């Protein structure tokens, strides 16, 4: 009898002061049909009533040191089901059958491929409180459905077999962020990503509070430095990145100054190596402007094809896969860096509070 009522999927939600978001997610999880859920809230020290709301909402509450990676690993250690779904507290399912359909898709892939080395993620749809930047949001939403490197992050939800998660060693806890990106790319190297049926609503609050353009630039810098191994940036920018979440619009010029300081301290040879590695990284993401054109075309023609992305993959990428293009891209990025720094300095002097 116990086997008949055992949960099929553990939903793990890391929280720190998510009292305003958690109840809505818990309510929608309880509405899920044709699936039995084990809901685990892993709290990193909330002081706004999140813990009480988790218990009142029928979730199993576990306590952890702060940090999403640590919190999710802590919850996964007590999960009792064969599959895990990691969700952010400000994420919302858009259908009462969404988790049933998602688990069914992952199980079908495992059966068809005779392997459990698979993980699924949802396409995103942003929940916004402000108008504007429609094309940029549409681009991000379309990009979230892809299974290309660095297109998968925790906002999209991670659903995978518990055995595969444990083989991977769980989330990396060595940094205070990027735990989702690191696991996503580890999954890509060791298994398969699939896009799950349905969409996941996610809050656009960070973009709206910090400024969409500024957040896009900071995220690109972070991913580049993570890729090229510039760990000093994370050690010295930790306070900049964390405090920004609470202060509204991102202040960018100190970040550009820190990057310049790191290069000056490293010396000319190391700096040139970093710029070449950055050129190589930027060139590897040259597909994104092509895909942006596809999203514009899709909106106009209502077509789901990606002719510009095809053009990049079949034409542009093979032609530019040589060292001279890395140097050219590095030079263009260097010019962009210094121009952007000066623009942000002017903007922030004009509006010191922003």
Protein backbone atom coordinates (compact mmCIF):
# COMPACT_ATOMS: atom_id res chain seq x y z
CA UNK A 1 0.00 0.00 0.00
CA UNK A 2 2.86 2.38 0.78
CA UNK A 3 4.19 2.09 -2.76
CA UNK A 4 0.82 3.22 -4.13
CA UNK A 5 0.88 6.50 -2.21
CA UNK A 6 4.60 7.27 -2.35
CA UNK A 7 5.46 10.60 -3.99
CA UNK A 8 6.85 10.49 -7.52
CA UNK A 9 8.71 13.79 -7.68
CA UNK A 10 10.52 15.92 -5.10
CA UNK A 11 10.15 19.65 -5.71
CA UNK A 12 13.03 21.52 -4.03
CA UNK A 13 12.72 25.26 -3.42
CA UNK A 14 15.65 27.26 -1.96
CA UNK A 15 14.53 30.35 -0.04
CA UNK A 16 15.89 33.39 1.73
CA UNK A 17 13.21 35.94 2.62
CA UNK A 18 10.72 34.82 -0.03
CA UNK A 19 7.53 35.44 1.96
CA UNK A 20 6.06 37.50 -0.88
CA UNK A 21 6.61 34.78 -3.51
CA UNK A 22 6.48 31.37 -1.83
CA UNK A 23 2.73 31.06 -1.03
CA UNK A 24 1.69 31.46 -4.67
CA UNK A 25 4.14 28.76 -5.77
CA UNK A 26 3.04 26.35 -3.04
CA UNK A 27 -0.61 26.86 -3.95
CA UNK A 28 0.03 26.05 -7.61
CA UNK A 29 2.09 23.00 -6.68
CA UNK A 30 -0.80 21.66 -4.63
CA UNK A 31 -3.04 22.10 -7.67
CA UNK A 32 -0.89 19.82 -9.82
CA UNK A 33 -2.85 16.85 -11.10
CA UNK A 34 -1.98 13.22 -11.87
CA UNK A 35 1.26 13.41 -9.93
CA UNK A 36 2.24 13.00 -6.29
CA UNK A 37 4.71 15.58 -5.05
CA UNK A 38 7.09 15.83 -2.14
CA UNK A 39 7.64 19.56 -1.60
CA UNK A 40 10.81 20.56 0.23
CA UNK A 41 11.65 24.15 1.13
CA UNK A 42 15.32 24.62 1.99
CA UNK A 43 15.69 27.86 3.89
CA UNK A 44 18.96 29.72 4.32
CA UNK A 45 17.95 31.86 7.30
CA UNK A 46 14.83 33.85 6.38
CA UNK A 47 13.58 36.48 8.81
CA UNK A 48 10.38 37.54 7.06
CA UNK A 49 8.07 34.63 7.86
CA UNK A 50 9.13 32.43 4.93
CA UNK A 51 9.73 29.43 7.17
CA UNK A 52 6.31 29.67 8.80
CA UNK A 53 4.64 30.06 5.41
CA UNK A 54 6.46 26.98 4.11
CA UNK A 55 5.17 24.83 6.95
CA UNK A 56 1.67 26.30 6.70
CA UNK A 57 1.74 25.58 2.96
CA UNK A 58 2.35 21.89 3.52
CA UNK A 59 6.04 21.78 2.62
CA UNK A 60 8.79 19.93 4.43
CA UNK A 61 11.10 22.62 5.82
CA UNK A 62 14.82 22.00 6.06
CA UNK A 63 17.40 24.47 7.37
CA UNK A 64 20.68 25.13 5.63
CA UNK A 65 23.58 27.53 5.52
CA UNK A 66 22.81 30.33 3.06
CA UNK A 67 23.73 29.84 -0.58
CA UNK A 68 21.53 28.26 -3.24
CA UNK A 69 23.95 25.44 -3.97
CA UNK A 70 24.21 24.46 -0.32
CA UNK A 71 20.48 24.82 0.22
CA UNK A 72 19.52 22.65 -2.75
CA UNK A 73 22.09 19.98 -1.91
CA UNK A 74 20.79 19.92 1.66
CA UNK A 75 17.23 19.36 0.46
CA UNK A 76 18.24 16.77 -2.13
CA UNK A 77 19.91 14.77 0.64
CA UNK A 78 16.54 14.23 2.37
CA UNK A 79 14.42 13.77 -0.78
CA UNK A 80 12.75 10.35 -1.05
CA UNK A 81 11.66 10.17 -4.70
CA UNK A 82 13.41 8.95 -7.87
CA UNK A 83 13.26 12.40 -9.51
CA UNK A 84 14.14 15.93 -8.40
CA UNK A 85 12.82 19.27 -9.62
CA UNK A 86 14.66 22.37 -8.47
CA UNK A 87 12.50 25.50 -8.63
CA UNK A 88 13.07 29.10 -7.61
CA UNK A 89 10.52 30.56 -5.21
CA UNK A 90 9.40 33.20 -7.73
CA UNK A 91 8.67 30.58 -10.41
CA UNK A 92 5.11 29.54 -11.22
CA UNK A 93 3.76 26.60 -13.27
CA UNK A 94 1.29 27.62 -15.96
CA UNK A 95 -0.77 24.42 -16.10
CA UNK A 96 -2.21 22.00 -13.55
CA UNK A 97 -0.73 19.11 -15.55
CA UNK A 98 2.64 20.71 -16.12
CA UNK A 99 4.68 18.61 -13.69
CA UNK A 100 2.93 15.42 -14.76
CA UNK A 101 3.76 16.15 -18.39
CA UNK A 102 7.32 17.17 -17.52
CA UNK A 103 8.05 14.02 -15.53
CA UNK A 104 6.49 11.93 -18.28
CA UNK A 105 8.81 13.56 -20.84
CA UNK A 106 11.94 12.83 -18.78
CA UNK A 107 10.87 9.24 -18.10
CA UNK A 108 10.11 8.69 -21.78
CA UNK A 109 13.58 9.95 -22.75
CA UNK A 110 15.19 7.65 -20.19
CA UNK A 111 13.26 4.67 -21.52
CA UNK A 112 13.89 5.44 -25.18
CA UNK A 113 17.61 6.14 -24.70
CA UNK A 114 18.20 3.46 -22.07
CA UNK A 115 19.99 6.00 -19.85
CA UNK A 116 19.17 8.21 -16.90
CA UNK A 117 21.70 10.84 -17.98
CA UNK A 118 19.08 13.42 -18.86
CA UNK A 119 17.72 16.62 -17.39
CA UNK A 120 14.82 18.80 -18.45
CA UNK A 121 14.14 22.51 -18.23
CA UNK A 122 11.11 24.67 -19.04
CA UNK A 123 10.79 27.57 -21.44
CA UNK A 124 10.40 30.84 -19.54
CA UNK A 125 7.71 33.48 -19.68
CA UNK A 126 8.42 36.67 -17.74
CA UNK A 127 5.96 38.08 -15.23
CA UNK A 128 6.43 41.82 -15.53
CA UNK A 129 5.18 44.87 -13.66
CA UNK A 130 6.57 47.49 -16.06
CA UNK A 131 6.17 47.99 -19.79
CA UNK A 132 8.95 48.39 -22.33
CA UNK A 133 11.84 46.24 -23.61
CA UNK A 134 9.35 43.88 -25.25
CA UNK A 135 11.78 42.63 -27.91
CA UNK A 136 14.51 41.95 -25.35
CA UNK A 137 12.16 39.97 -23.11
CA UNK A 138 10.82 38.06 -26.11
CA UNK A 139 14.40 37.20 -27.06
CA UNK A 140 15.17 35.89 -23.56
CA UNK A 141 12.00 33.83 -23.53
CA UNK A 142 12.80 32.26 -26.91
CA UNK A 143 16.42 31.67 -25.92
CA UNK A 144 15.30 29.78 -22.79
CA UNK A 145 13.81 27.05 -24.99
CA UNK A 146 17.15 26.29 -26.63
CA UNK A 147 19.60 23.64 -25.49
CA UNK A 148 22.80 25.46 -26.38
CA UNK A 149 25.70 26.01 -23.97
CA UNK A 150 24.99 28.61 -21.28
CA UNK A 151 21.32 28.94 -22.26
CA UNK A 152 20.12 26.90 -19.28
CA UNK A 153 19.86 28.33 -15.78
CA UNK A 154 17.99 27.81 -12.54
CA UNK A 155 15.11 30.12 -13.45
CA UNK A 156 14.00 27.45 -15.94
CA UNK A 157 13.77 24.68 -13.35
CA UNK A 158 15.99 21.59 -13.39
CA UNK A 159 14.24 18.17 -13.47
CA UNK A 160 16.46 15.09 -13.42
CA UNK A 161 16.74 11.58 -11.98
CA UNK A 162 18.14 11.55 -8.46
CA UNK A 163 20.75 8.97 -9.48
CA UNK A 164 22.13 11.24 -12.21
CA UNK A 165 22.17 14.19 -9.82
CA UNK A 166 24.23 12.20 -7.33
CA UNK A 167 26.61 10.96 -10.03
CA UNK A 168 27.28 14.58 -10.91
CA UNK A 169 28.07 15.37 -7.30
CA UNK A 170 25.18 17.79 -6.83
CA UNK A 171 25.53 21.56 -7.05
CA UNK A 172 28.95 23.13 -6.80
CA UNK A 173 29.18 25.05 -3.52
CA UNK A 174 32.59 26.63 -4.11
CA UNK A 175 31.16 29.94 -5.37
CA UNK A 176 28.39 32.03 -3.85
CA UNK A 177 26.52 31.95 -7.15
CA UNK A 178 26.66 30.28 -10.63
CA UNK A 179 25.77 26.95 -9.06
CA UNK A 180 23.02 26.50 -11.67
CA UNK A 181 25.24 27.34 -14.65
CA UNK A 182 27.97 25.01 -13.45
CA UNK A 183 25.58 22.07 -13.01
CA UNK A 184 23.86 22.85 -16.32
CA UNK A 185 27.11 22.63 -18.26
CA UNK A 186 28.17 19.53 -16.34
CA UNK A 187 24.89 17.91 -17.39
CA UNK A 188 25.55 18.99 -20.99
CA UNK A 189 28.98 17.36 -20.93
CA UNK A 190 27.83 14.13 -19.30
CA UNK A 191 24.29 13.68 -20.55
CA UNK A 192 21.44 15.36 -22.37
CA UNK A 193 19.24 18.41 -21.92
CA UNK A 194 15.64 18.42 -23.14
CA UNK A 195 13.09 21.23 -23.19
CA UNK A 196 10.08 20.20 -21.16
CA UNK A 197 6.48 20.79 -22.27
CA UNK A 198 4.85 23.91 -20.88
CA UNK A 199 6.15 27.27 -19.72
CA UNK A 200 7.37 28.47 -16.36
CA UNK A 201 6.41 31.96 -15.25
CA UNK A 202 9.31 33.79 -13.66
CA UNK A 203 9.54 37.20 -12.08
CA UNK A 204 11.27 39.98 -14.01
CA UNK A 205 11.90 41.83 -10.73
CA UNK A 206 15.70 41.73 -11.01
CA UNK A 207 15.67 43.11 -14.55
CA UNK A 208 13.17 45.79 -13.58
CA UNK A 209 14.98 46.84 -10.41
CA UNK A 210 18.52 46.75 -11.75
CA UNK A 211 17.89 47.79 -15.36
CA UNK A 212 17.60 45.23 -18.14
CA UNK A 213 20.58 46.49 -20.16
CA UNK A 214 22.83 46.73 -17.13
CA UNK A 215 21.89 43.25 -15.94
CA UNK A 216 22.55 41.82 -19.40
CA UNK A 217 26.02 43.40 -19.47
CA UNK A 218 26.90 42.26 -15.95
CA UNK A 219 25.70 38.72 -16.67
CA UNK A 220 27.82 38.61 -19.83
CA UNK A 221 30.89 39.81 -17.93
CA UNK A 222 30.33 37.26 -15.18
CA UNK A 223 29.94 34.36 -17.62
CA UNK A 224 33.04 35.42 -19.54
CA UNK A 225 35.19 35.67 -16.42
CA UNK A 226 33.88 32.35 -15.18
CA UNK A 227 34.70 30.78 -18.55
CA UNK A 228 38.25 32.18 -18.80
CA UNK A 229 39.01 31.44 -15.13
CA UNK A 230 39.36 35.00 -13.83
CA UNK A 231 38.61 33.98 -10.25
CA UNK A 232 40.05 37.20 -8.81
CA UNK A 233 37.04 39.05 -10.18
CA UNK A 234 34.63 36.97 -8.09
CA UNK A 235 36.76 37.33 -4.98
CA UNK A 236 36.91 41.11 -5.23
CA UNK A 237 33.51 41.83 -6.84
CA UNK A 238 31.55 39.77 -4.34
CA UNK A 239 30.31 42.78 -2.39
CA UNK A 240 29.45 44.66 -5.60
CA UNK A 241 27.33 41.85 -7.01
CA UNK A 242 25.50 40.97 -3.81
CA UNK A 243 24.64 44.48 -2.70
CA UNK A 244 23.21 45.43 -6.07
CA UNK A 245 20.17 43.22 -5.53
CA UNK A 246 18.98 45.46 -2.70
CA UNK A 247 19.94 48.89 -3.97
CA UNK A 248 17.98 49.10 -7.18
CA UNK A 249 19.67 50.05 -10.42
CA UNK A 250 23.10 48.54 -10.95
CA UNK A 251 26.06 50.87 -10.65
CA UNK A 252 28.36 49.65 -13.38
CA UNK A 253 31.41 51.94 -13.42
CA UNK A 254 33.01 50.37 -10.28
CA UNK A 255 32.82 46.99 -11.98
CA UNK A 256 34.56 48.27 -15.10
CA UNK A 257 37.18 49.94 -12.90
CA UNK A 258 37.78 46.69 -11.02
CA UNK A 259 38.33 44.83 -14.30
CA UNK A 260 40.82 47.48 -15.40
CA UNK A 261 42.61 47.26 -12.05
CA UNK A 262 42.86 43.47 -12.28
CA UNK A 263 44.42 43.71 -15.73
CA UNK A 264 46.88 46.41 -14.65
CA UNK A 265 47.97 44.32 -11.67
CA UNK A 266 48.37 41.19 -13.82
CA UNK A 267 50.77 42.80 -16.28
CA UNK A 268 50.78 43.05 -20.06
CA UNK A 269 51.36 39.38 -20.94
CA UNK A 270 48.54 38.04 -18.75
CA UNK A 271 46.22 40.85 -19.82
CA UNK A 272 46.74 40.03 -23.50
CA UNK A 273 46.03 36.37 -22.78
CA UNK A 274 42.81 37.35 -21.03
CA UNK A 275 41.70 39.54 -23.92
CA UNK A 276 42.36 36.78 -26.44
CA UNK A 277 40.43 34.29 -24.29
CA UNK A 278 37.63 36.85 -24.07
CA UNK A 279 37.66 37.23 -27.86
CA UNK A 280 37.38 33.46 -28.22
CA UNK A 281 34.48 33.39 -25.74
CA UNK A 282 32.61 36.27 -27.40
CA UNK A 283 33.09 34.67 -30.81
CA UNK A 284 31.59 31.43 -29.50
CA UNK A 285 28.45 33.41 -28.67
CA UNK A 286 28.21 35.16 -32.02
CA UNK A 287 25.11 33.06 -32.70
CA UNK A 288 23.09 35.26 -30.35
CA UNK A 289 22.67 38.28 -32.70
CA UNK A 290 21.63 35.84 -35.42
CA UNK A 291 19.07 34.28 -33.11
CA UNK A 292 17.83 37.73 -32.11
CA UNK A 293 17.01 38.36 -35.77
CA UNK A 294 15.13 35.06 -35.78
CA UNK A 295 13.01 36.19 -32.83
CA UNK A 296 12.14 39.39 -34.69
CA UNK A 297 11.25 37.38 -37.78
CA UNK A 298 9.20 34.94 -35.74
CA UNK A 299 7.19 37.79 -34.21
CA UNK A 300 6.49 39.32 -37.62
CA UNK A 301 5.87 36.18 -39.68
CA UNK A 302 4.57 33.95 -36.86
CA UNK A 303 7.07 31.31 -37.93
CA UNK A 304 9.02 29.02 -35.63
CA UNK A 305 11.93 28.54 -38.04
CA UNK A 306 15.43 29.86 -37.30
CA UNK A 307 17.01 30.73 -40.67
CA UNK A 308 19.53 33.19 -39.23
CA UNK A 309 20.67 30.70 -36.60
CA UNK A 310 21.08 28.15 -39.38
CA UNK A 311 23.13 30.74 -41.30
CA UNK A 312 25.42 31.20 -38.31
CA UNK A 313 25.91 27.48 -37.71
CA UNK A 314 26.46 26.54 -41.36
CA UNK A 315 28.23 29.66 -42.61
CA UNK A 316 29.50 32.20 -40.10
CA UNK A 317 30.91 29.80 -37.50
CA UNK A 318 33.00 27.65 -39.89
CA UNK A 319 34.38 30.74 -41.62
CA UNK A 320 35.41 32.47 -38.36
CA UNK A 321 36.79 29.45 -36.48
CA UNK A 322 40.39 30.68 -36.79
CA UNK A 323 42.81 32.58 -34.53
CA UNK A 324 42.76 35.89 -36.47
CA UNK A 325 39.04 36.23 -35.78
CA UNK A 326 39.68 35.69 -32.07
CA UNK A 327 42.12 38.62 -32.11
CA UNK A 328 39.71 40.75 -34.13
CA UNK A 329 36.86 39.99 -31.73
CA UNK A 330 39.13 40.69 -28.75
CA UNK A 331 40.01 44.09 -30.22
CA UNK A 332 36.38 44.99 -30.84
CA UNK A 333 35.47 43.88 -27.33
CA UNK A 334 38.30 46.02 -25.90
CA UNK A 335 36.89 49.05 -27.73
CA UNK A 336 33.37 48.26 -26.49
CA UNK A 337 34.67 47.88 -22.93
CA UNK A 338 36.31 51.30 -22.78
CA UNK A 339 33.47 53.09 -24.56
CA UNK A 340 30.89 51.48 -22.24
CA UNK A 341 32.93 52.40 -19.18
CA UNK A 342 32.97 56.04 -20.20
CA UNK A 343 29.25 56.03 -20.96
CA UNK A 344 28.43 54.59 -17.54
CA UNK A 345 30.70 57.11 -15.84
CA UNK A 346 28.82 59.96 -17.53
CA UNK A 347 25.41 58.49 -16.70
CA UNK A 348 26.28 57.84 -13.06
CA UNK A 349 27.77 61.29 -12.55
CA UNK A 350 24.57 62.77 -13.96
CA UNK A 351 22.38 60.52 -11.79
CA UNK A 352 24.47 59.49 -8.71
CA UNK A 353 21.56 57.76 -6.97
CA UNK A 354 20.63 55.59 -10.00
